[in-house]
Amino acid sequence: MSLDQPYRGGFVGPEHRFALTVYFEDTDTAGIVYYANYLKFMERARSDMLRAAGVDQRAAMDRGAGVYAVAEANIRYLRPAKLGDDLVIRSTVQKIRAASVLIHQRVFRASEQLTDARVTAAFLTPDGLPTRQPREWVEAFERIRQAA
C-alpha cells in the first residue's frame, strides 16, 4: 500500500467494510461524534462500496445517464462514538429495485455496534427524475448479495 494513495475499503463476502478514525472535527465539545456525521461516514462507505462493485457514478454522470441520490435514510443510534475511536462501516445490499437500491449500514467500534441504518439510494436522471438503474449495476449488486 502506498501512503500517497487514498484508503479503499473492500468486500468480505457480501459485506463491504470501510474503516475510519474519529477526528476532533467529527465531535462536539464533549468529544462525542455529532449525530449527523454518522451520515457522512456512511456516505463515504457507500461511495466506496459502489466503486469496489464496479459502479462508475462519475462516468454515468459525465455521459448524462444519471446518478444515485439518497431518497430515504433511517438510522438508529445505539451507542456513541468518541474522539480517537477507530470505526468500521459495514454495508450490505439488502434489496434491489428497478430504480433504487436499499443498503443496510452499521457502524462498529471493534465488535460493538454503534448504529443501524437503512438507506435507499435512487437512480435519478440529470433532471432529478427516477429512472432504471443500468443493467450492469443491478447485476453487480446481485453478485454482491450472492457472495459467500
N, C-alpha and C. Protein backbone atom coordinates (compact mmCIF):
# COMPACT_ATOMS: atom_id res chain seq x y z
N MET A 1 0.83 -1.18 0.00
CA MET A 1 0.00 0.00 0.00
C MET A 1 0.88 1.24 0.00
N SER A 2 0.57 2.16 -0.89
CA SER A 2 1.30 3.41 -0.97
C SER A 2 0.67 4.43 -0.03
N LEU A 3 1.50 5.17 0.66
CA LEU A 3 0.99 6.21 1.54
C LEU A 3 0.44 7.41 0.78
N ASP A 4 0.69 7.45 -0.53
CA ASP A 4 0.19 8.53 -1.36
C ASP A 4 -1.15 8.20 -2.01
N GLN A 5 -1.70 7.03 -1.72
CA GLN A 5 -2.98 6.61 -2.28
C GLN A 5 -4.06 6.69 -1.21
N PRO A 6 -5.28 7.08 -1.60
CA PRO A 6 -6.38 7.12 -0.62
C PRO A 6 -6.71 5.72 -0.13
N TYR A 7 -7.24 5.65 1.09
CA TYR A 7 -7.68 4.38 1.64
C TYR A 7 -8.87 3.87 0.85
N ARG A 8 -8.93 2.59 0.61
CA ARG A 8 -10.07 1.94 -0.03
C ARG A 8 -10.51 0.79 0.85
N GLY A 9 -11.82 0.68 1.02
CA GLY A 9 -12.38 -0.46 1.73
C GLY A 9 -12.49 -1.64 0.78
N GLY A 10 -13.18 -2.67 1.19
CA GLY A 10 -13.36 -3.83 0.33
C GLY A 10 -14.41 -4.78 0.86
N PHE A 11 -14.66 -5.82 0.07
CA PHE A 11 -15.70 -6.78 0.41
C PHE A 11 -15.14 -7.96 1.18
N VAL A 12 -15.91 -8.39 2.18
CA VAL A 12 -15.68 -9.64 2.88
C VAL A 12 -16.98 -10.40 2.66
N GLY A 13 -16.98 -11.30 1.68
CA GLY A 13 -18.22 -11.94 1.27
C GLY A 13 -19.15 -10.87 0.72
N PRO A 14 -20.41 -10.86 1.15
CA PRO A 14 -21.36 -9.87 0.64
C PRO A 14 -21.29 -8.52 1.36
N GLU A 15 -20.41 -8.42 2.35
CA GLU A 15 -20.35 -7.22 3.19
C GLU A 15 -19.15 -6.35 2.81
N HIS A 16 -19.43 -5.07 2.56
CA HIS A 16 -18.35 -4.11 2.30
C HIS A 16 -17.94 -3.49 3.62
N ARG A 17 -16.63 -3.37 3.84
CA ARG A 17 -16.12 -2.78 5.08
C ARG A 17 -15.26 -1.57 4.74
N PHE A 18 -15.50 -0.50 5.50
CA PHE A 18 -14.78 0.75 5.30
C PHE A 18 -14.39 1.29 6.67
N ALA A 19 -13.09 1.45 6.89
CA ALA A 19 -12.58 1.87 8.19
C ALA A 19 -12.25 3.36 8.20
N LEU A 20 -12.44 3.97 9.35
CA LEU A 20 -12.05 5.36 9.53
C LEU A 20 -11.81 5.64 11.01
N THR A 21 -11.16 6.75 11.29
CA THR A 21 -10.89 7.18 12.66
C THR A 21 -11.69 8.44 12.94
N VAL A 22 -12.20 8.58 14.15
CA VAL A 22 -12.93 9.77 14.56
C VAL A 22 -11.92 10.86 14.91
N TYR A 23 -12.03 11.97 14.20
CA TYR A 23 -11.17 13.12 14.44
C TYR A 23 -11.91 14.19 15.22
N PHE A 24 -11.16 15.16 15.72
CA PHE A 24 -11.73 16.24 16.51
C PHE A 24 -12.88 16.93 15.78
N GLU A 25 -12.72 17.15 14.47
CA GLU A 25 -13.75 17.84 13.68
C GLU A 25 -15.08 17.07 13.64
N ASP A 26 -15.06 15.77 13.94
CA ASP A 26 -16.26 14.94 13.91
C ASP A 26 -17.07 15.01 15.20
N THR A 27 -16.51 15.64 16.23
CA THR A 27 -17.12 15.58 17.56
C THR A 27 -17.67 16.92 18.03
N ASP A 28 -18.48 16.82 19.08
CA ASP A 28 -18.97 18.03 19.75
C ASP A 28 -17.99 18.37 20.89
N THR A 29 -18.34 19.33 21.71
CA THR A 29 -17.43 19.75 22.78
C THR A 29 -17.20 18.69 23.85
N ALA A 30 -18.07 17.68 23.89
CA ALA A 30 -17.89 16.58 24.85
C ALA A 30 -17.04 15.45 24.28
N GLY A 31 -16.58 15.60 23.02
CA GLY A 31 -15.77 14.55 22.41
C GLY A 31 -16.58 13.40 21.86
N ILE A 32 -17.88 13.61 21.69
CA ILE A 32 -18.77 12.58 21.14
C ILE A 32 -19.10 12.94 19.70
N VAL A 33 -19.15 11.93 18.82
CA VAL A 33 -19.44 12.18 17.41
C VAL A 33 -20.81 12.83 17.28
N TYR A 34 -20.84 13.94 16.58
CA TYR A 34 -22.08 14.65 16.28
C TYR A 34 -22.95 13.74 15.41
N TYR A 35 -24.24 13.66 15.72
CA TYR A 35 -25.11 12.66 15.11
C TYR A 35 -25.12 12.71 13.57
N ALA A 36 -25.08 13.89 12.97
CA ALA A 36 -25.12 13.99 11.51
C ALA A 36 -23.86 13.46 10.85
N ASN A 37 -22.76 13.40 11.59
CA ASN A 37 -21.52 12.91 11.00
C ASN A 37 -21.55 11.42 10.69
N TYR A 38 -22.42 10.67 11.37
CA TYR A 38 -22.58 9.26 11.02
C TYR A 38 -23.07 9.14 9.58
N LEU A 39 -23.94 10.07 9.16
CA LEU A 39 -24.43 10.06 7.78
C LEU A 39 -23.28 10.29 6.81
N LYS A 40 -22.35 11.17 7.16
CA LYS A 40 -21.17 11.41 6.32
C LYS A 40 -20.29 10.15 6.26
N PHE A 41 -20.10 9.51 7.41
CA PHE A 41 -19.30 8.29 7.43
C PHE A 41 -19.92 7.23 6.52
N MET A 42 -21.25 7.09 6.62
CA MET A 42 -21.93 6.07 5.81
C MET A 42 -21.92 6.44 4.33
N GLU A 43 -21.98 7.72 4.01
CA GLU A 43 -21.89 8.15 2.61
C GLU A 43 -20.55 7.77 2.01
N ARG A 44 -19.47 8.01 2.75
CA ARG A 44 -18.14 7.63 2.27
C ARG A 44 -18.08 6.12 2.03
N ALA A 45 -18.63 5.36 2.97
CA ALA A 45 -18.61 3.91 2.85
C ALA A 45 -19.45 3.43 1.66
N ARG A 46 -20.63 4.04 1.45
CA ARG A 46 -21.47 3.66 0.29
C ARG A 46 -20.77 3.99 -1.01
N SER A 47 -20.18 5.17 -1.09
CA SER A 47 -19.47 5.56 -2.31
C SER A 47 -18.33 4.59 -2.60
N ASP A 48 -17.61 4.21 -1.55
CA ASP A 48 -16.51 3.26 -1.73
C ASP A 48 -17.03 1.88 -2.10
N MET A 49 -18.18 1.48 -1.54
CA MET A 49 -18.78 0.19 -1.89
C MET A 49 -19.15 0.16 -3.37
N LEU A 50 -19.77 1.24 -3.85
CA LEU A 50 -20.14 1.31 -5.27
C LEU A 50 -18.90 1.21 -6.15
N ARG A 51 -17.85 1.95 -5.79
CA ARG A 51 -16.60 1.90 -6.56
C ARG A 51 -16.05 0.48 -6.58
N ALA A 52 -16.02 -0.18 -5.42
CA ALA A 52 -15.49 -1.54 -5.32
C ALA A 52 -16.32 -2.53 -6.12
N ALA A 53 -17.61 -2.25 -6.27
CA ALA A 53 -18.51 -3.13 -7.04
C ALA A 53 -18.41 -2.89 -8.55
N GLY A 54 -17.67 -1.85 -8.94
CA GLY A 54 -17.54 -1.56 -10.36
C GLY A 54 -18.53 -0.54 -10.88
N VAL A 55 -19.25 0.12 -9.99
CA VAL A 55 -20.21 1.15 -10.39
C VAL A 55 -19.46 2.47 -10.53
N ASP A 56 -19.41 2.99 -11.74
CA ASP A 56 -18.70 4.25 -12.00
C ASP A 56 -19.70 5.38 -12.13
N GLN A 57 -20.03 5.98 -10.99
CA GLN A 57 -21.02 7.07 -11.00
C GLN A 57 -20.54 8.28 -11.79
N ARG A 58 -19.25 8.56 -11.72
CA ARG A 58 -18.70 9.71 -12.44
C ARG A 58 -18.90 9.55 -13.94
N ALA A 59 -18.62 8.37 -14.47
CA ALA A 59 -18.80 8.12 -15.91
C ALA A 59 -20.27 8.24 -16.30
N ALA A 60 -21.15 7.71 -15.45
CA ALA A 60 -22.59 7.80 -15.74
C ALA A 60 -23.05 9.25 -15.73
N MET A 61 -22.53 10.01 -14.79
CA MET A 61 -22.88 11.42 -14.71
C MET A 61 -22.35 12.17 -15.94
N ASP A 62 -21.11 11.88 -16.32
CA ASP A 62 -20.49 12.56 -17.47
C ASP A 62 -21.22 12.28 -18.78
N ARG A 63 -21.77 11.07 -18.92
CA ARG A 63 -22.48 10.75 -20.16
C ARG A 63 -23.97 11.09 -20.09
N GLY A 64 -24.40 11.67 -18.96
CA GLY A 64 -25.77 12.13 -18.82
C GLY A 64 -26.78 11.05 -18.50
N ALA A 65 -26.29 9.89 -18.01
CA ALA A 65 -27.20 8.78 -17.70
C ALA A 65 -27.92 8.98 -16.38
N GLY A 66 -27.23 9.55 -15.41
CA GLY A 66 -27.83 9.76 -14.10
C GLY A 66 -26.87 9.42 -12.99
N VAL A 67 -27.35 9.59 -11.77
CA VAL A 67 -26.56 9.32 -10.57
C VAL A 67 -27.48 8.86 -9.45
N TYR A 68 -26.86 8.29 -8.40
CA TYR A 68 -27.61 7.92 -7.22
C TYR A 68 -27.76 9.12 -6.30
N ALA A 69 -28.90 9.20 -5.66
CA ALA A 69 -29.15 10.20 -4.62
C ALA A 69 -29.91 9.51 -3.51
N VAL A 70 -29.63 9.89 -2.28
CA VAL A 70 -30.34 9.29 -1.15
C VAL A 70 -31.79 9.77 -1.16
N ALA A 71 -32.70 8.82 -1.22
CA ALA A 71 -34.13 9.12 -1.22
C ALA A 71 -34.71 8.96 0.19
N GLU A 72 -34.08 8.09 0.99
CA GLU A 72 -34.57 7.85 2.35
C GLU A 72 -33.43 7.31 3.20
N ALA A 73 -33.37 7.75 4.44
CA ALA A 73 -32.37 7.24 5.38
C ALA A 73 -33.04 7.08 6.74
N ASN A 74 -32.95 5.89 7.28
CA ASN A 74 -33.46 5.60 8.62
C ASN A 74 -32.29 5.11 9.45
N ILE A 75 -32.02 5.80 10.54
CA ILE A 75 -30.87 5.44 11.36
C ILE A 75 -31.27 5.36 12.83
N ARG A 76 -30.74 4.35 13.48
CA ARG A 76 -30.95 4.18 14.91
C ARG A 76 -29.58 4.26 15.58
N TYR A 77 -29.46 5.15 16.53
CA TYR A 77 -28.21 5.33 17.26
C TYR A 77 -28.25 4.46 18.51
N LEU A 78 -27.27 3.58 18.64
CA LEU A 78 -27.25 2.64 19.76
C LEU A 78 -26.27 3.05 20.85
N ARG A 79 -25.10 3.49 20.45
CA ARG A 79 -24.04 3.91 21.38
C ARG A 79 -23.23 5.02 20.71
N PRO A 80 -22.65 5.92 21.48
CA PRO A 80 -21.87 7.00 20.87
C PRO A 80 -20.44 6.59 20.53
N ALA A 81 -19.95 7.13 19.42
CA ALA A 81 -18.53 7.03 19.10
C ALA A 81 -17.86 8.26 19.68
N LYS A 82 -16.57 8.14 19.97
CA LYS A 82 -15.85 9.21 20.65
C LYS A 82 -14.55 9.53 19.92
N LEU A 83 -14.02 10.69 20.25
CA LEU A 83 -12.77 11.16 19.69
C LEU A 83 -11.70 10.07 19.78
N GLY A 84 -11.06 9.80 18.65
CA GLY A 84 -9.98 8.81 18.60
C GLY A 84 -10.43 7.39 18.32
N ASP A 85 -11.72 7.13 18.33
CA ASP A 85 -12.20 5.77 18.05
C ASP A 85 -11.89 5.37 16.61
N ASP A 86 -11.54 4.11 16.44
CA ASP A 86 -11.42 3.52 15.11
C ASP A 86 -12.73 2.80 14.82
N LEU A 87 -13.36 3.17 13.70
CA LEU A 87 -14.67 2.64 13.35
C LEU A 87 -14.60 1.86 12.04
N VAL A 88 -15.55 0.95 11.88
CA VAL A 88 -15.73 0.24 10.61
C VAL A 88 -17.20 0.33 10.24
N ILE A 89 -17.44 0.79 9.01
CA ILE A 89 -18.81 0.84 8.50
C ILE A 89 -18.99 -0.42 7.66
N ARG A 90 -19.97 -1.22 8.02
CA ARG A 90 -20.29 -2.46 7.30
C ARG A 90 -21.56 -2.22 6.49
N SER A 91 -21.46 -2.43 5.19
CA SER A 91 -22.58 -2.16 4.28
C SER A 91 -22.93 -3.40 3.49
N THR A 92 -24.23 -3.69 3.39
CA THR A 92 -24.70 -4.80 2.57
C THR A 92 -25.87 -4.34 1.72
N VAL A 93 -25.95 -4.90 0.52
CA VAL A 93 -27.08 -4.62 -0.37
C VAL A 93 -28.23 -5.48 0.11
N GLN A 94 -29.33 -4.83 0.49
CA GLN A 94 -30.46 -5.56 1.05
C GLN A 94 -31.54 -5.84 0.02
N LYS A 95 -31.83 -4.85 -0.82
CA LYS A 95 -32.89 -5.02 -1.81
C LYS A 95 -32.55 -4.20 -3.05
N ILE A 96 -32.82 -4.80 -4.22
CA ILE A 96 -32.57 -4.13 -5.48
C ILE A 96 -33.90 -3.95 -6.20
N ARG A 97 -34.20 -2.72 -6.55
CA ARG A 97 -35.41 -2.42 -7.30
C ARG A 97 -34.99 -1.85 -8.65
N ALA A 98 -35.97 -1.62 -9.51
CA ALA A 98 -35.67 -1.11 -10.86
C ALA A 98 -34.90 0.20 -10.83
N ALA A 99 -35.29 1.12 -9.94
CA ALA A 99 -34.67 2.45 -9.92
C ALA A 99 -33.99 2.79 -8.60
N SER A 100 -33.82 1.78 -7.73
CA SER A 100 -33.19 2.08 -6.43
C SER A 100 -32.55 0.83 -5.84
N VAL A 101 -31.74 1.09 -4.83
CA VAL A 101 -31.11 0.00 -4.09
C VAL A 101 -31.19 0.36 -2.60
N LEU A 102 -31.54 -0.63 -1.78
CA LEU A 102 -31.62 -0.45 -0.33
C LEU A 102 -30.35 -1.04 0.27
N ILE A 103 -29.64 -0.21 1.02
CA ILE A 103 -28.36 -0.61 1.61
C ILE A 103 -28.47 -0.55 3.12
N HIS A 104 -28.11 -1.67 3.76
CA HIS A 104 -28.09 -1.75 5.22
C HIS A 104 -26.67 -1.38 5.65
N GLN A 105 -26.57 -0.39 6.55
CA GLN A 105 -25.26 0.06 7.01
C GLN A 105 -25.23 0.10 8.53
N ARG A 106 -24.12 -0.42 9.07
CA ARG A 106 -23.92 -0.43 10.51
C ARG A 106 -22.53 0.09 10.82
N VAL A 107 -22.43 0.90 11.86
CA VAL A 107 -21.14 1.42 12.30
C VAL A 107 -20.72 0.65 13.54
N PHE A 108 -19.47 0.15 13.53
CA PHE A 108 -18.93 -0.63 14.63
C PHE A 108 -17.67 0.02 15.19
N ARG A 109 -17.49 -0.13 16.48
CA ARG A 109 -16.21 0.13 17.15
C ARG A 109 -15.78 -1.24 17.66
N ALA A 110 -14.78 -1.82 17.01
CA ALA A 110 -14.41 -3.22 17.25
C ALA A 110 -15.66 -4.08 17.03
N SER A 111 -16.08 -4.86 18.03
CA SER A 111 -17.26 -5.71 17.84
C SER A 111 -18.55 -5.05 18.34
N GLU A 112 -18.44 -3.82 18.83
CA GLU A 112 -19.60 -3.13 19.39
C GLU A 112 -20.33 -2.31 18.31
N GLN A 113 -21.59 -2.65 18.08
CA GLN A 113 -22.38 -1.93 17.08
C GLN A 113 -22.86 -0.60 17.66
N LEU A 114 -22.62 0.49 16.90
CA LEU A 114 -22.98 1.83 17.35
C LEU A 114 -24.23 2.37 16.68
N THR A 115 -24.45 2.01 15.41
CA THR A 115 -25.64 2.47 14.70
C THR A 115 -26.18 1.35 13.82
N ASP A 116 -27.43 1.52 13.43
CA ASP A 116 -28.08 0.61 12.50
C ASP A 116 -28.90 1.47 11.54
N ALA A 117 -28.58 1.41 10.25
CA ALA A 117 -29.25 2.29 9.29
C ALA A 117 -29.64 1.53 8.03
N ARG A 118 -30.68 2.03 7.42
CA ARG A 118 -31.11 1.55 6.10
C ARG A 118 -31.26 2.77 5.22
N VAL A 119 -30.56 2.73 4.09
CA VAL A 119 -30.51 3.88 3.18
C VAL A 119 -30.98 3.44 1.80
N THR A 120 -31.94 4.17 1.25
CA THR A 120 -32.40 3.92 -0.10
C THR A 120 -31.74 4.93 -1.03
N ALA A 121 -30.98 4.41 -1.99
CA ALA A 121 -30.34 5.25 -3.00
C ALA A 121 -31.13 5.08 -4.29
N ALA A 122 -31.70 6.18 -4.77
CA ALA A 122 -32.49 6.16 -6.01
C ALA A 122 -31.61 6.60 -7.16
N PHE A 123 -31.78 5.96 -8.31
CA PHE A 123 -31.05 6.36 -9.50
C PHE A 123 -31.88 7.41 -10.22
N LEU A 124 -31.30 8.59 -10.41
CA LEU A 124 -32.02 9.72 -10.97
C LEU A 124 -31.40 10.21 -12.27
N THR A 125 -32.25 10.69 -13.17
CA THR A 125 -31.77 11.33 -14.40
C THR A 125 -31.14 12.67 -14.03
N PRO A 126 -30.43 13.30 -14.97
CA PRO A 126 -29.88 14.63 -14.69
C PRO A 126 -30.95 15.65 -14.31
N ASP A 127 -32.21 15.40 -14.69
CA ASP A 127 -33.31 16.29 -14.32
C ASP A 127 -33.91 15.95 -12.95
N GLY A 128 -33.36 14.92 -12.29
CA GLY A 128 -33.84 14.56 -10.96
C GLY A 128 -35.01 13.61 -10.92
N LEU A 129 -35.30 12.95 -12.03
CA LEU A 129 -36.42 12.00 -12.07
C LEU A 129 -35.91 10.57 -11.92
N PRO A 130 -36.64 9.73 -11.17
CA PRO A 130 -36.23 8.34 -11.04
C PRO A 130 -36.23 7.64 -12.40
N THR A 131 -35.23 6.80 -12.60
CA THR A 131 -35.13 6.02 -13.84
C THR A 131 -34.47 4.69 -13.51
N ARG A 132 -34.59 3.74 -14.42
CA ARG A 132 -33.99 2.42 -14.20
C ARG A 132 -32.48 2.52 -14.07
N GLN A 133 -31.95 1.73 -13.14
CA GLN A 133 -30.51 1.65 -12.97
C GLN A 133 -29.90 0.93 -14.18
N PRO A 134 -28.66 1.22 -14.51
CA PRO A 134 -28.00 0.45 -15.57
C PRO A 134 -28.01 -1.04 -15.22
N ARG A 135 -28.29 -1.85 -16.22
CA ARG A 135 -28.39 -3.30 -16.02
C ARG A 135 -27.12 -3.88 -15.40
N GLU A 136 -25.95 -3.42 -15.85
CA GLU A 136 -24.70 -3.97 -15.32
C GLU A 136 -24.52 -3.64 -13.84
N TRP A 137 -25.10 -2.54 -13.38
CA TRP A 137 -25.03 -2.21 -11.96
C TRP A 137 -25.94 -3.12 -11.15
N VAL A 138 -27.12 -3.38 -11.67
CA VAL A 138 -28.05 -4.32 -11.00
C VAL A 138 -27.39 -5.69 -10.90
N GLU A 139 -26.75 -6.12 -11.98
CA GLU A 139 -26.06 -7.42 -11.97
C GLU A 139 -24.93 -7.44 -10.95
N ALA A 140 -24.20 -6.33 -10.82
CA ALA A 140 -23.12 -6.24 -9.83
C ALA A 140 -23.69 -6.36 -8.42
N PHE A 141 -24.82 -5.70 -8.15
CA PHE A 141 -25.45 -5.79 -6.83
C PHE A 141 -25.92 -7.22 -6.55
N GLU A 142 -26.46 -7.89 -7.57
CA GLU A 142 -26.89 -9.29 -7.40
C GLU A 142 -25.70 -10.18 -7.06
N ARG A 143 -24.57 -9.97 -7.73
CA ARG A 143 -23.37 -10.77 -7.44
C ARG A 143 -22.91 -10.54 -6.00
N ILE A 144 -22.97 -9.30 -5.54
CA ILE A 144 -22.57 -8.98 -4.18
C ILE A 144 -23.48 -9.70 -3.19
N ARG A 145 -24.77 -9.64 -3.42
CA ARG A 145 -25.72 -10.28 -2.49
C ARG A 145 -25.51 -11.79 -2.42
N GLN A 146 -25.07 -12.38 -3.50
CA GLN A 146 -24.92 -13.83 -3.55
C GLN A 146 -23.54 -14.30 -3.09
N ALA A 147 -22.60 -13.37 -2.86
CA ALA A 147 -21.26 -13.74 -2.43
C ALA A 147 -21.32 -14.40 -1.06
N ALA A 148 -20.48 -15.37 -0.87
CA ALA A 148 -20.48 -16.06 0.44
C ALA A 148 -19.08 -16.20 0.97
